[in-house]
N, C-alpha and C. Protein backbone atom coordinates (compact mmCIF):
# COMPACT_ATOMS: atom_id res chain seq x y z
N MET A 1 180.57 130.05 96.86
CA MET A 1 179.43 129.12 96.81
C MET A 1 178.14 129.90 97.06
N GLN A 2 177.16 129.70 96.19
CA GLN A 2 175.89 130.40 96.32
C GLN A 2 175.02 129.76 97.42
N GLY A 3 174.07 130.60 97.92
CA GLY A 3 173.16 130.10 98.94
C GLY A 3 172.37 128.90 98.49
N LEU A 4 172.00 128.87 97.23
CA LEU A 4 171.25 127.74 96.69
C LEU A 4 172.03 126.44 96.83
N GLU A 5 173.32 126.50 96.49
CA GLU A 5 174.16 125.31 96.57
C GLU A 5 174.33 124.85 98.03
N LEU A 6 174.38 125.83 98.93
CA LEU A 6 174.50 125.49 100.36
C LEU A 6 173.36 124.59 100.82
N PHE A 7 172.13 124.94 100.40
CA PHE A 7 170.98 124.11 100.76
C PHE A 7 171.13 122.69 100.20
N GLY A 8 171.62 122.58 98.97
CA GLY A 8 171.80 121.27 98.36
C GLY A 8 172.84 120.44 99.08
N TYR A 9 173.99 121.07 99.38
CA TYR A 9 175.05 120.35 100.09
C TYR A 9 174.62 119.98 101.51
N LEU A 10 173.90 120.90 102.15
CA LEU A 10 173.42 120.63 103.52
C LEU A 10 172.46 119.45 103.52
N GLY A 11 171.54 119.45 102.55
CA GLY A 11 170.60 118.33 102.46
C GLY A 11 171.30 117.01 102.22
N GLY A 12 172.32 117.03 101.33
CA GLY A 12 173.08 115.81 101.06
C GLY A 12 173.84 115.34 102.29
N LEU A 13 174.45 116.29 103.04
CA LEU A 13 175.20 115.95 104.25
C LEU A 13 174.28 115.34 105.31
N LEU A 14 173.10 115.94 105.49
CA LEU A 14 172.15 115.43 106.48
C LEU A 14 171.63 114.05 106.09
N THR A 15 171.38 113.85 104.80
CA THR A 15 170.94 112.53 104.34
C THR A 15 172.02 111.49 104.60
N LEU A 16 173.27 111.86 104.36
CA LEU A 16 174.39 110.96 104.63
C LEU A 16 174.47 110.64 106.12
N THR A 17 174.20 111.65 106.94
CA THR A 17 174.26 111.47 108.39
C THR A 17 173.23 110.46 108.89
N THR A 18 172.07 110.40 108.21
CA THR A 18 171.02 109.47 108.66
C THR A 18 171.52 108.03 108.63
N PHE A 19 172.46 107.72 107.76
CA PHE A 19 172.97 106.35 107.67
C PHE A 19 173.86 105.98 108.84
N SER A 20 174.29 106.96 109.62
CA SER A 20 175.13 106.68 110.79
C SER A 20 174.33 106.71 112.09
N MET A 21 173.03 107.01 112.00
CA MET A 21 172.21 107.09 113.20
C MET A 21 172.00 105.69 113.81
N LYS A 22 172.10 105.60 115.13
CA LYS A 22 171.92 104.33 115.81
C LYS A 22 170.50 104.12 116.31
N THR A 23 169.70 105.18 116.37
CA THR A 23 168.31 105.06 116.82
C THR A 23 167.37 105.66 115.78
N MET A 24 166.18 105.06 115.67
CA MET A 24 165.20 105.53 114.70
C MET A 24 164.72 106.94 115.03
N LEU A 25 164.68 107.27 116.32
CA LEU A 25 164.21 108.59 116.72
C LEU A 25 165.12 109.68 116.15
N HIS A 26 166.42 109.52 116.32
CA HIS A 26 167.36 110.51 115.80
C HIS A 26 167.40 110.48 114.28
N LEU A 27 167.25 109.30 113.70
CA LEU A 27 167.24 109.20 112.23
C LEU A 27 166.10 110.02 111.65
N ARG A 28 164.92 109.91 112.24
CA ARG A 28 163.77 110.68 111.73
C ARG A 28 163.99 112.18 111.89
N MET A 29 164.57 112.58 113.00
CA MET A 29 164.79 114.01 113.23
C MET A 29 165.77 114.59 112.21
N VAL A 30 166.85 113.87 111.96
CA VAL A 30 167.83 114.33 110.96
C VAL A 30 167.22 114.26 109.57
N GLY A 31 166.40 113.23 109.34
CA GLY A 31 165.73 113.10 108.05
C GLY A 31 164.81 114.28 107.76
N ILE A 32 164.12 114.77 108.78
CA ILE A 32 163.24 115.94 108.63
C ILE A 32 164.07 117.18 108.27
N ALA A 33 165.21 117.33 108.95
CA ALA A 33 166.09 118.47 108.64
C ALA A 33 166.58 118.39 107.20
N ALA A 34 166.90 117.18 106.74
CA ALA A 34 167.34 117.00 105.34
C ALA A 34 166.22 117.34 104.37
N ASN A 35 164.99 116.93 104.71
CA ASN A 35 163.84 117.25 103.85
C ASN A 35 163.67 118.76 103.71
N VAL A 36 163.79 119.49 104.82
CA VAL A 36 163.63 120.94 104.78
C VAL A 36 164.72 121.58 103.91
N ALA A 37 165.95 121.09 104.05
CA ALA A 37 167.05 121.64 103.25
C ALA A 37 166.82 121.38 101.76
N PHE A 38 166.39 120.18 101.40
CA PHE A 38 166.16 119.85 100.00
C PHE A 38 164.93 120.58 99.44
N ILE A 39 163.91 120.80 100.27
CA ILE A 39 162.74 121.57 99.82
C ILE A 39 163.16 123.00 99.49
N SER A 40 164.01 123.57 100.35
CA SER A 40 164.51 124.92 100.09
C SER A 40 165.33 124.93 98.80
N TYR A 41 166.18 123.92 98.63
CA TYR A 41 167.00 123.83 97.43
C TYR A 41 166.13 123.69 96.18
N GLY A 42 165.13 122.80 96.25
CA GLY A 42 164.26 122.57 95.09
C GLY A 42 163.41 123.78 94.75
N ALA A 43 162.91 124.47 95.78
CA ALA A 43 162.04 125.62 95.54
C ALA A 43 162.83 126.81 94.99
N LEU A 44 163.99 127.10 95.57
CA LEU A 44 164.79 128.24 95.12
C LEU A 44 165.44 128.00 93.76
N GLY A 45 165.77 126.74 93.49
CA GLY A 45 166.44 126.44 92.23
C GLY A 45 165.52 125.89 91.17
N SER A 46 164.23 125.85 91.48
CA SER A 46 163.24 125.30 90.53
C SER A 46 163.60 123.88 90.10
N VAL A 47 164.13 123.10 91.06
CA VAL A 47 164.44 121.69 90.79
C VAL A 47 163.23 120.89 91.28
N TYR A 48 162.25 120.76 90.41
CA TYR A 48 160.95 120.24 90.83
C TYR A 48 160.94 118.76 91.24
N PRO A 49 161.69 117.88 90.59
CA PRO A 49 161.70 116.49 91.08
C PRO A 49 162.17 116.38 92.53
N VAL A 50 163.24 117.12 92.88
CA VAL A 50 163.74 117.13 94.25
C VAL A 50 162.70 117.74 95.19
N LEU A 51 162.09 118.83 94.75
CA LEU A 51 161.07 119.50 95.56
C LEU A 51 159.89 118.58 95.84
N LEU A 52 159.37 117.91 94.83
CA LEU A 52 158.22 117.02 95.00
C LEU A 52 158.56 115.82 95.88
N LEU A 53 159.76 115.27 95.67
CA LEU A 53 160.17 114.11 96.47
C LEU A 53 160.19 114.44 97.95
N HIS A 54 160.79 115.56 98.30
CA HIS A 54 160.94 115.88 99.73
C HIS A 54 159.69 116.52 100.32
N LEU A 55 158.83 117.09 99.49
CA LEU A 55 157.52 117.50 99.99
C LEU A 55 156.68 116.28 100.36
N THR A 56 156.94 115.16 99.70
CA THR A 56 156.25 113.91 100.03
C THR A 56 156.87 113.25 101.26
N LEU A 57 158.20 113.28 101.34
CA LEU A 57 158.89 112.61 102.45
C LEU A 57 158.75 113.35 103.78
N LEU A 58 158.63 114.68 103.74
CA LEU A 58 158.58 115.46 104.98
C LEU A 58 157.40 115.06 105.87
N PRO A 59 156.14 115.06 105.37
CA PRO A 59 155.04 114.65 106.26
C PRO A 59 155.16 113.20 106.72
N LEU A 60 155.73 112.33 105.87
CA LEU A 60 155.92 110.93 106.26
C LEU A 60 156.89 110.84 107.43
N ASN A 61 158.00 111.56 107.35
CA ASN A 61 158.98 111.54 108.44
C ASN A 61 158.41 112.16 109.72
N ILE A 62 157.62 113.22 109.58
CA ILE A 62 157.00 113.86 110.75
C ILE A 62 156.02 112.89 111.42
N TRP A 63 155.23 112.17 110.61
CA TRP A 63 154.26 111.22 111.16
C TRP A 63 154.97 110.07 111.87
N ARG A 64 156.06 109.55 111.26
CA ARG A 64 156.81 108.46 111.88
C ARG A 64 157.47 108.92 113.18
N LEU A 65 157.94 110.15 113.21
CA LEU A 65 158.54 110.69 114.43
C LEU A 65 157.49 110.79 115.52
N HIS A 66 156.29 111.23 115.15
CA HIS A 66 155.19 111.31 116.12
C HIS A 66 154.86 109.92 116.68
N GLN A 67 154.83 108.92 115.82
CA GLN A 67 154.55 107.55 116.27
C GLN A 67 155.62 107.04 117.22
N LEU A 68 156.88 107.32 116.90
CA LEU A 68 157.97 106.88 117.76
C LEU A 68 157.91 107.55 119.13
N ARG A 69 157.64 108.85 119.14
CA ARG A 69 157.53 109.57 120.42
C ARG A 69 156.38 109.02 121.25
N ARG A 70 155.26 108.72 120.60
CA ARG A 70 154.11 108.17 121.32
C ARG A 70 154.44 106.79 121.87
N LEU A 71 155.17 105.97 121.09
CA LEU A 71 155.57 104.65 121.56
C LEU A 71 156.48 104.74 122.77
N VAL A 72 157.45 105.66 122.71
CA VAL A 72 158.36 105.86 123.84
C VAL A 72 157.58 106.28 125.08
N ARG A 73 156.61 107.18 124.90
CA ARG A 73 155.79 107.63 126.03
C ARG A 73 154.96 106.48 126.60
N ASP A 74 154.37 105.67 125.72
CA ASP A 74 153.55 104.54 126.16
C ASP A 74 154.39 103.53 126.94
N ILE A 75 155.61 103.28 126.45
CA ILE A 75 156.50 102.33 127.14
C ILE A 75 156.91 102.87 128.50
N ARG A 76 157.18 104.17 128.58
CA ARG A 76 157.55 104.78 129.86
C ARG A 76 156.38 104.68 130.84
N ASP A 77 155.18 104.95 130.36
CA ASP A 77 154.00 104.84 131.23
C ASP A 77 153.76 103.40 131.63
N ALA A 78 153.99 102.48 130.70
CA ALA A 78 153.73 101.07 130.97
C ALA A 78 154.64 100.51 132.05
N ALA A 79 155.83 101.07 132.16
CA ALA A 79 156.79 100.56 133.13
C ALA A 79 156.35 100.85 134.56
N THR A 80 155.48 101.83 134.75
CA THR A 80 155.07 102.22 136.11
C THR A 80 153.57 102.06 136.34
N ALA A 81 152.81 101.79 135.31
CA ALA A 81 151.35 101.75 135.46
C ALA A 81 150.87 100.39 135.95
N ASP A 82 149.72 100.41 136.63
CA ASP A 82 149.06 99.16 137.00
C ASP A 82 148.43 98.56 135.76
N PHE A 83 148.39 97.22 135.73
CA PHE A 83 147.88 96.53 134.56
C PHE A 83 146.52 95.91 134.87
N SER A 84 145.57 96.09 133.97
CA SER A 84 144.24 95.50 134.12
C SER A 84 144.05 94.46 133.02
N VAL A 85 143.52 93.30 133.42
CA VAL A 85 143.32 92.23 132.43
C VAL A 85 141.96 92.33 131.75
N ASP A 86 141.17 93.36 132.07
CA ASP A 86 139.83 93.46 131.50
C ASP A 86 139.84 93.46 129.98
N TRP A 87 140.80 94.21 129.40
CA TRP A 87 140.83 94.31 127.94
C TRP A 87 141.32 93.01 127.30
N LEU A 88 141.86 92.07 128.13
CA LEU A 88 142.32 90.79 127.59
C LEU A 88 141.18 89.80 127.38
N LYS A 89 140.05 90.04 128.02
CA LYS A 89 138.97 89.06 128.01
C LYS A 89 138.52 88.63 126.62
N PRO A 90 138.46 89.53 125.61
CA PRO A 90 138.07 89.07 124.27
C PRO A 90 139.04 88.04 123.68
N PHE A 91 140.27 87.97 124.20
CA PHE A 91 141.26 87.05 123.66
C PHE A 91 141.34 85.75 124.46
N THR A 92 140.49 85.62 125.47
CA THR A 92 140.58 84.47 126.37
C THR A 92 139.33 83.60 126.31
N ARG A 93 139.42 82.45 126.95
CA ARG A 93 138.26 81.59 127.14
C ARG A 93 138.19 81.22 128.62
N GLN A 94 136.98 80.97 129.10
CA GLN A 94 136.80 80.64 130.51
C GLN A 94 136.85 79.14 130.74
N ARG A 95 137.29 78.78 131.94
CA ARG A 95 137.32 77.36 132.32
C ARG A 95 136.92 77.23 133.79
N ALA A 96 135.91 76.44 134.07
CA ALA A 96 135.50 76.17 135.44
C ALA A 96 136.32 75.00 135.97
N VAL A 97 136.76 75.12 137.22
CA VAL A 97 137.64 74.10 137.80
C VAL A 97 137.06 73.66 139.15
N ARG A 98 137.12 72.35 139.40
CA ARG A 98 136.63 71.78 140.65
C ARG A 98 137.76 71.57 141.64
N ALA A 99 137.43 71.65 142.93
CA ALA A 99 138.42 71.40 143.98
C ALA A 99 138.99 70.00 143.83
N GLY A 100 140.29 69.87 143.98
CA GLY A 100 140.96 68.59 143.84
C GLY A 100 141.50 68.32 142.45
N GLU A 101 141.09 69.15 141.48
CA GLU A 101 141.55 68.95 140.10
C GLU A 101 142.98 69.47 139.95
N THR A 102 143.78 68.73 139.18
CA THR A 102 145.14 69.17 138.85
C THR A 102 145.11 69.85 137.49
N LEU A 103 145.49 71.11 137.45
CA LEU A 103 145.45 71.85 136.19
C LEU A 103 146.56 71.40 135.25
N PHE A 104 147.75 71.27 135.79
CA PHE A 104 148.87 70.73 135.01
C PHE A 104 149.96 70.29 135.98
N ARG A 105 150.88 69.47 135.49
CA ARG A 105 151.95 68.94 136.32
C ARG A 105 153.31 69.45 135.86
N HIS A 106 154.23 69.46 136.80
CA HIS A 106 155.60 69.87 136.49
C HIS A 106 156.16 69.02 135.35
N GLY A 107 156.73 69.70 134.35
CA GLY A 107 157.34 69.00 133.24
C GLY A 107 156.45 68.79 132.04
N GLU A 108 155.13 69.04 132.19
CA GLU A 108 154.23 68.89 131.05
C GLU A 108 154.45 70.03 130.05
N VAL A 109 154.07 69.77 128.80
CA VAL A 109 154.17 70.80 127.77
C VAL A 109 153.21 71.94 128.11
N ALA A 110 153.71 73.18 128.03
CA ALA A 110 152.90 74.36 128.37
C ALA A 110 152.41 75.05 127.10
N ASP A 111 151.16 75.53 127.14
CA ASP A 111 150.63 76.20 125.94
C ASP A 111 149.70 77.36 126.26
N ASN A 112 149.53 77.70 127.56
CA ASN A 112 148.66 78.84 127.87
C ASN A 112 149.00 79.46 129.21
N VAL A 113 148.50 80.69 129.40
CA VAL A 113 148.61 81.43 130.66
C VAL A 113 147.22 81.48 131.27
N MET A 114 147.15 81.45 132.60
CA MET A 114 145.86 81.41 133.29
C MET A 114 145.73 82.58 134.26
N PHE A 115 144.53 83.18 134.30
CA PHE A 115 144.17 84.27 135.21
C PHE A 115 143.07 83.76 136.14
N VAL A 116 143.26 83.95 137.43
CA VAL A 116 142.27 83.47 138.41
C VAL A 116 141.16 84.50 138.57
N LEU A 117 139.94 84.11 138.21
CA LEU A 117 138.77 84.97 138.43
C LEU A 117 138.13 84.69 139.78
N SER A 118 138.14 83.44 140.19
CA SER A 118 137.58 83.06 141.49
C SER A 118 138.17 81.72 141.90
N GLY A 119 137.96 81.34 143.17
CA GLY A 119 138.49 80.08 143.67
C GLY A 119 139.88 80.24 144.28
N ARG A 120 140.47 79.09 144.61
CA ARG A 120 141.80 79.10 145.21
C ARG A 120 142.61 77.95 144.64
N PHE A 121 143.86 78.25 144.31
CA PHE A 121 144.73 77.28 143.68
C PHE A 121 146.08 77.29 144.40
N ARG A 122 146.93 76.32 144.09
CA ARG A 122 148.24 76.28 144.74
C ARG A 122 149.29 75.72 143.79
N ALA A 123 150.45 76.43 143.74
CA ALA A 123 151.62 75.92 143.04
C ALA A 123 152.32 74.98 144.02
N VAL A 124 152.33 73.69 143.72
CA VAL A 124 152.71 72.68 144.70
C VAL A 124 154.19 72.77 145.09
N GLU A 125 155.09 72.73 144.11
CA GLU A 125 156.52 72.71 144.43
C GLU A 125 156.96 73.97 145.18
N ALA A 126 156.44 75.11 144.78
CA ALA A 126 156.79 76.37 145.45
C ALA A 126 155.96 76.60 146.71
N ASP A 127 154.88 75.80 146.86
CA ASP A 127 153.95 75.96 147.99
C ASP A 127 153.44 77.40 148.09
N VAL A 128 152.95 77.91 146.95
CA VAL A 128 152.46 79.28 146.87
C VAL A 128 150.97 79.27 146.54
N PRO A 129 150.13 79.94 147.35
CA PRO A 129 148.70 80.02 147.04
C PRO A 129 148.44 80.97 145.88
N LEU A 130 147.44 80.64 145.08
CA LEU A 130 147.06 81.47 143.94
C LEU A 130 145.57 81.79 144.06
N ALA A 131 145.26 83.05 144.35
CA ALA A 131 143.88 83.46 144.57
C ALA A 131 143.42 84.41 143.46
N ARG A 132 142.26 85.01 143.65
CA ARG A 132 141.67 85.92 142.67
C ARG A 132 142.67 87.01 142.27
N GLY A 133 142.80 87.24 140.95
CA GLY A 133 143.70 88.25 140.44
C GLY A 133 145.09 87.75 140.12
N GLU A 134 145.42 86.51 140.55
CA GLU A 134 146.74 85.97 140.28
C GLU A 134 146.84 85.46 138.84
N VAL A 135 148.06 85.48 138.33
CA VAL A 135 148.35 84.98 136.98
C VAL A 135 149.41 83.89 137.12
N PHE A 136 149.26 82.80 136.39
CA PHE A 136 150.28 81.76 136.44
C PHE A 136 150.34 81.01 135.11
N GLY A 137 151.43 80.27 134.93
CA GLY A 137 151.61 79.53 133.70
C GLY A 137 152.44 80.25 132.66
N GLU A 138 152.94 81.45 133.02
CA GLU A 138 153.65 82.27 132.03
C GLU A 138 155.09 81.83 131.80
N LEU A 139 155.70 81.16 132.79
CA LEU A 139 157.11 80.81 132.64
C LEU A 139 157.35 79.76 131.56
N GLY A 140 156.32 78.96 131.28
CA GLY A 140 156.46 77.97 130.21
C GLY A 140 156.73 78.61 128.86
N LEU A 141 156.25 79.84 128.68
CA LEU A 141 156.43 80.53 127.40
C LEU A 141 157.89 80.88 127.16
N ILE A 142 158.61 81.26 128.23
CA ILE A 142 159.99 81.68 128.06
C ILE A 142 160.98 80.56 128.35
N ALA A 143 160.50 79.44 128.85
CA ALA A 143 161.38 78.29 129.07
C ALA A 143 161.80 77.72 127.72
N LYS A 144 163.03 77.25 127.63
CA LYS A 144 163.58 76.79 126.36
C LYS A 144 162.76 75.66 125.77
N ASP A 145 162.34 74.70 126.61
CA ASP A 145 161.57 73.56 126.11
C ASP A 145 160.07 73.73 126.28
N GLN A 146 159.64 74.89 126.78
CA GLN A 146 158.22 75.20 127.00
C GLN A 146 157.54 74.12 127.83
N ARG A 147 158.12 73.84 128.98
CA ARG A 147 157.56 72.88 129.92
C ARG A 147 157.10 73.61 131.18
N ARG A 148 156.12 73.04 131.86
CA ARG A 148 155.63 73.62 133.11
C ARG A 148 156.70 73.52 134.18
N THR A 149 156.86 74.59 134.94
CA THR A 149 157.87 74.62 136.00
C THR A 149 157.26 74.28 137.37
N GLN A 150 155.93 74.18 137.44
CA GLN A 150 155.25 73.85 138.69
C GLN A 150 154.07 72.92 138.41
N THR A 151 153.63 72.24 139.46
CA THR A 151 152.35 71.54 139.43
C THR A 151 151.33 72.45 140.11
N VAL A 152 150.18 72.67 139.48
CA VAL A 152 149.16 73.55 140.06
C VAL A 152 147.88 72.75 140.26
N VAL A 153 147.35 72.81 141.49
CA VAL A 153 146.12 72.10 141.83
C VAL A 153 145.07 73.11 142.29
N CYS A 154 143.82 72.72 142.17
CA CYS A 154 142.70 73.56 142.63
C CYS A 154 142.31 73.14 144.03
N GLU A 155 142.27 74.07 144.97
CA GLU A 155 141.89 73.79 146.35
C GLU A 155 140.45 74.18 146.65
N GLU A 156 139.90 75.08 145.82
CA GLU A 156 138.52 75.52 146.01
C GLU A 156 137.93 75.82 144.63
N ASP A 157 136.69 75.35 144.40
CA ASP A 157 136.07 75.56 143.08
C ASP A 157 136.28 76.99 142.60
N GLY A 158 136.63 77.13 141.32
CA GLY A 158 136.89 78.46 140.81
C GLY A 158 136.73 78.57 139.31
N LEU A 159 137.01 79.75 138.83
CA LEU A 159 136.88 80.07 137.40
C LEU A 159 138.18 80.72 136.93
N LEU A 160 138.66 80.25 135.76
CA LEU A 160 139.90 80.77 135.20
C LEU A 160 139.66 81.39 133.83
N LEU A 161 140.52 82.35 133.47
CA LEU A 161 140.61 82.82 132.10
C LEU A 161 141.88 82.24 131.50
N LEU A 162 141.78 81.65 130.33
CA LEU A 162 142.92 81.05 129.66
C LEU A 162 143.24 81.82 128.38
N ILE A 163 144.52 82.11 128.16
CA ILE A 163 144.96 82.75 126.93
C ILE A 163 146.14 81.97 126.38
N SER A 164 146.09 81.63 125.11
CA SER A 164 147.11 80.78 124.51
C SER A 164 148.43 81.55 124.35
N TYR A 165 149.51 80.80 124.26
CA TYR A 165 150.83 81.42 124.08
C TYR A 165 150.90 82.17 122.75
N ASP A 166 150.21 81.69 121.72
CA ASP A 166 150.21 82.40 120.44
C ASP A 166 149.62 83.79 120.59
N GLU A 167 148.51 83.89 121.35
CA GLU A 167 147.90 85.19 121.60
C GLU A 167 148.82 86.07 122.45
N VAL A 168 149.48 85.46 123.43
CA VAL A 168 150.40 86.21 124.29
C VAL A 168 151.53 86.82 123.46
N ARG A 169 152.07 86.04 122.53
CA ARG A 169 153.16 86.55 121.68
C ARG A 169 152.70 87.76 120.87
N GLN A 170 151.49 87.68 120.31
CA GLN A 170 150.98 88.79 119.51
C GLN A 170 150.76 90.03 120.38
N LEU A 171 150.14 89.84 121.54
CA LEU A 171 149.86 90.97 122.42
C LEU A 171 151.14 91.58 122.98
N TYR A 172 152.16 90.75 123.18
CA TYR A 172 153.43 91.24 123.71
C TYR A 172 154.00 92.34 122.81
N PHE A 173 153.91 92.14 121.50
CA PHE A 173 154.48 93.11 120.57
C PHE A 173 153.50 94.23 120.22
N GLN A 174 152.20 93.99 120.41
CA GLN A 174 151.20 94.99 120.05
C GLN A 174 150.95 96.00 121.16
N ASN A 175 151.12 95.58 122.41
CA ASN A 175 150.75 96.43 123.53
C ASN A 175 151.90 96.55 124.52
N PRO A 176 152.55 97.72 124.61
CA PRO A 176 153.69 97.89 125.52
C PRO A 176 153.35 97.61 126.97
N LYS A 177 152.13 97.98 127.40
CA LYS A 177 151.76 97.75 128.79
C LYS A 177 151.72 96.26 129.11
N PHE A 178 151.16 95.48 128.18
CA PHE A 178 151.11 94.04 128.39
C PHE A 178 152.53 93.46 128.36
N GLY A 179 153.37 93.97 127.45
CA GLY A 179 154.74 93.48 127.37
C GLY A 179 155.50 93.69 128.67
N PHE A 180 155.39 94.89 129.25
CA PHE A 180 156.08 95.18 130.50
C PHE A 180 155.47 94.38 131.65
N TYR A 181 154.15 94.24 131.64
CA TYR A 181 153.50 93.45 132.68
C TYR A 181 154.01 92.01 132.64
N PHE A 182 154.11 91.44 131.45
CA PHE A 182 154.56 90.06 131.30
C PHE A 182 156.00 89.91 131.79
N LEU A 183 156.87 90.87 131.44
CA LEU A 183 158.26 90.81 131.88
C LEU A 183 158.36 90.93 133.40
N GLN A 184 157.58 91.85 133.98
CA GLN A 184 157.60 92.02 135.43
C GLN A 184 157.08 90.78 136.15
N LEU A 185 156.06 90.16 135.58
CA LEU A 185 155.48 88.96 136.15
C LEU A 185 156.49 87.82 136.14
N ALA A 186 157.13 87.61 134.98
CA ALA A 186 158.13 86.54 134.86
C ALA A 186 159.30 86.79 135.80
N ALA A 187 159.75 88.05 135.90
CA ALA A 187 160.87 88.39 136.77
C ALA A 187 160.51 88.13 138.24
N ALA A 188 159.27 88.47 138.62
CA ALA A 188 158.83 88.25 140.00
C ALA A 188 158.81 86.76 140.32
N ARG A 189 158.33 85.94 139.38
CA ARG A 189 158.30 84.49 139.59
C ARG A 189 159.72 83.93 139.77
N LEU A 190 160.63 84.34 138.88
CA LEU A 190 162.00 83.83 138.95
C LEU A 190 162.69 84.28 140.23
N THR A 191 162.43 85.53 140.65
CA THR A 191 163.02 86.03 141.89
C THR A 191 162.48 85.26 143.08
N ARG A 192 161.16 85.00 143.07
CA ARG A 192 160.55 84.23 144.16
C ARG A 192 161.16 82.84 144.27
N ASP A 193 161.28 82.16 143.13
CA ASP A 193 161.82 80.79 143.14
C ASP A 193 163.29 80.79 143.59
N ALA A 194 164.04 81.80 143.13
CA ALA A 194 165.45 81.88 143.53
C ALA A 194 165.58 82.13 145.03
N SER A 195 164.71 83.00 145.57
CA SER A 195 164.74 83.29 147.01
C SER A 195 164.42 82.06 147.83
N LYS A 196 163.42 81.29 147.36
CA LYS A 196 163.06 80.06 148.07
C LYS A 196 164.21 79.06 148.05
N ALA A 197 164.89 78.97 146.90
CA ALA A 197 166.00 78.03 146.80
C ALA A 197 167.14 78.43 147.74
N VAL A 198 167.44 79.74 147.82
CA VAL A 198 168.49 80.24 148.70
C VAL A 198 168.12 79.99 150.16
N SER A 199 166.84 80.24 150.52
CA SER A 199 166.38 80.04 151.90
C SER A 199 166.47 78.57 152.29
N ALA A 200 166.05 77.71 151.37
CA ALA A 200 166.09 76.28 151.65
C ALA A 200 167.53 75.82 151.86
N HIS A 201 168.44 76.32 151.03
CA HIS A 201 169.85 75.95 151.15
C HIS A 201 170.43 76.46 152.47
N ALA A 202 170.04 77.69 152.85
CA ALA A 202 170.53 78.26 154.11
C ALA A 202 170.02 77.47 155.31
N ASN A 203 168.76 77.02 155.25
CA ASN A 203 168.19 76.24 156.34
C ASN A 203 168.90 74.91 156.51
N VAL A 204 169.26 74.30 155.38
CA VAL A 204 169.98 73.02 155.44
C VAL A 204 171.35 73.22 156.06
N ASP A 205 172.05 74.30 155.64
CA ASP A 205 173.39 74.56 156.16
C ASP A 205 173.39 74.91 157.64
N SER A 206 172.29 75.58 158.10
CA SER A 206 172.25 76.03 159.49
C SER A 206 171.61 75.03 160.44
N SER A 207 171.08 73.92 159.92
CA SER A 207 170.44 72.92 160.77
C SER A 207 171.49 72.23 161.63
N PRO A 208 171.17 71.94 162.93
CA PRO A 208 172.16 71.33 163.83
C PRO A 208 172.52 69.93 163.36
N ARG A 209 173.77 69.61 163.45
CA ARG A 209 174.26 68.30 163.06
C ARG A 209 174.64 67.52 164.31
N ALA A 210 174.41 66.25 164.26
CA ALA A 210 174.75 65.42 165.41
C ALA A 210 176.27 65.30 165.53
N PRO A 211 176.82 65.41 166.72
CA PRO A 211 178.27 65.27 166.89
C PRO A 211 178.72 63.88 166.49
N GLN A 212 179.92 63.76 166.00
CA GLN A 212 180.46 62.51 165.50
C GLN A 212 181.42 61.90 166.52
N LEU A 213 181.34 60.59 166.69
CA LEU A 213 182.26 59.86 167.57
C LEU A 213 182.89 58.73 166.80
N GLY A 214 184.02 58.35 167.25
CA GLY A 214 184.66 57.17 166.66
C GLY A 214 184.90 57.34 165.17
N HIS A 215 184.28 56.43 164.40
CA HIS A 215 184.51 56.41 162.97
C HIS A 215 183.41 57.15 162.21
N GLY A 216 182.83 58.14 162.85
CA GLY A 216 181.88 58.97 162.12
C GLY A 216 180.44 58.56 162.35
N HIS A 217 180.14 57.72 163.31
CA HIS A 217 178.74 57.35 163.57
C HIS A 217 178.10 58.38 164.47
N PRO A 218 176.88 58.85 164.18
CA PRO A 218 176.25 59.85 165.02
C PRO A 218 175.85 59.30 166.37
N VAL A 219 175.82 60.20 167.34
CA VAL A 219 175.36 59.83 168.68
C VAL A 219 173.86 59.63 168.65
N THR A 220 173.35 58.58 169.20
CA THR A 220 171.91 58.29 169.21
C THR A 220 171.39 58.30 170.63
C-alpha cells in the first residue's frame, strides 16, 4: 500500500469514527484530524475536489472547536462566579410597590421573576424576609402548572425589577452564568422549603403530649 493511499484510508477511518463520538468536543477534534488526512491525500494525489472540500471544512471545524472550548470554560467559570444583575436591567421593567401591597398570592398563575432594588418584602408561607438584592418568583417557571408557591407582601415601600418568564427562558440558553445562577437560586429555594418542612415535622413529633387516662381522654 502506497503512502498516498494510507492518507485516504486514514481520513476515511477518522470520518467513520466521528459518527461514534458521544460528545461534540471529541467529534470536532477527530473531524480536524480527518480533514488533515484528506488534505494530505488530495494534495499528494492531485485529487482537487477532496482537497478543496477539506480545506473548507478544516477552518470550520477549528472555529467550532474553539467555540466549544470557550463555552466549556464559560460554564466552568459560571459555576463558581458571583452573579450581577446589572446586565439584566435592559431586559426588565421597574415597579414601585407600597407597604401593605400583596404582590401575588399562593396558587396564582406566575409569569415573571422579581429583583428587589429597595424596600422590604416577605414570603408569607415560608416566613422569609426579602430585602435588597433578593430574587423571588423563579419557582413558578419550573413548576409544572406555573403557579406561585408563596404569597409575597410588601412590608416597606420599595422598588422592584421585573423580568418575564419568556425573557428568562431566552437568557437561560444564551448566557451560561445566568443559567447556573438560576439553577442555584431554584435549588436554594427548594432546599430551604424542604428544611423548613423537616423542622416543622420534627417539632410536632418532639412536642410534649398530655398523658392519657381511662379511655384516652387527656388530663386537664
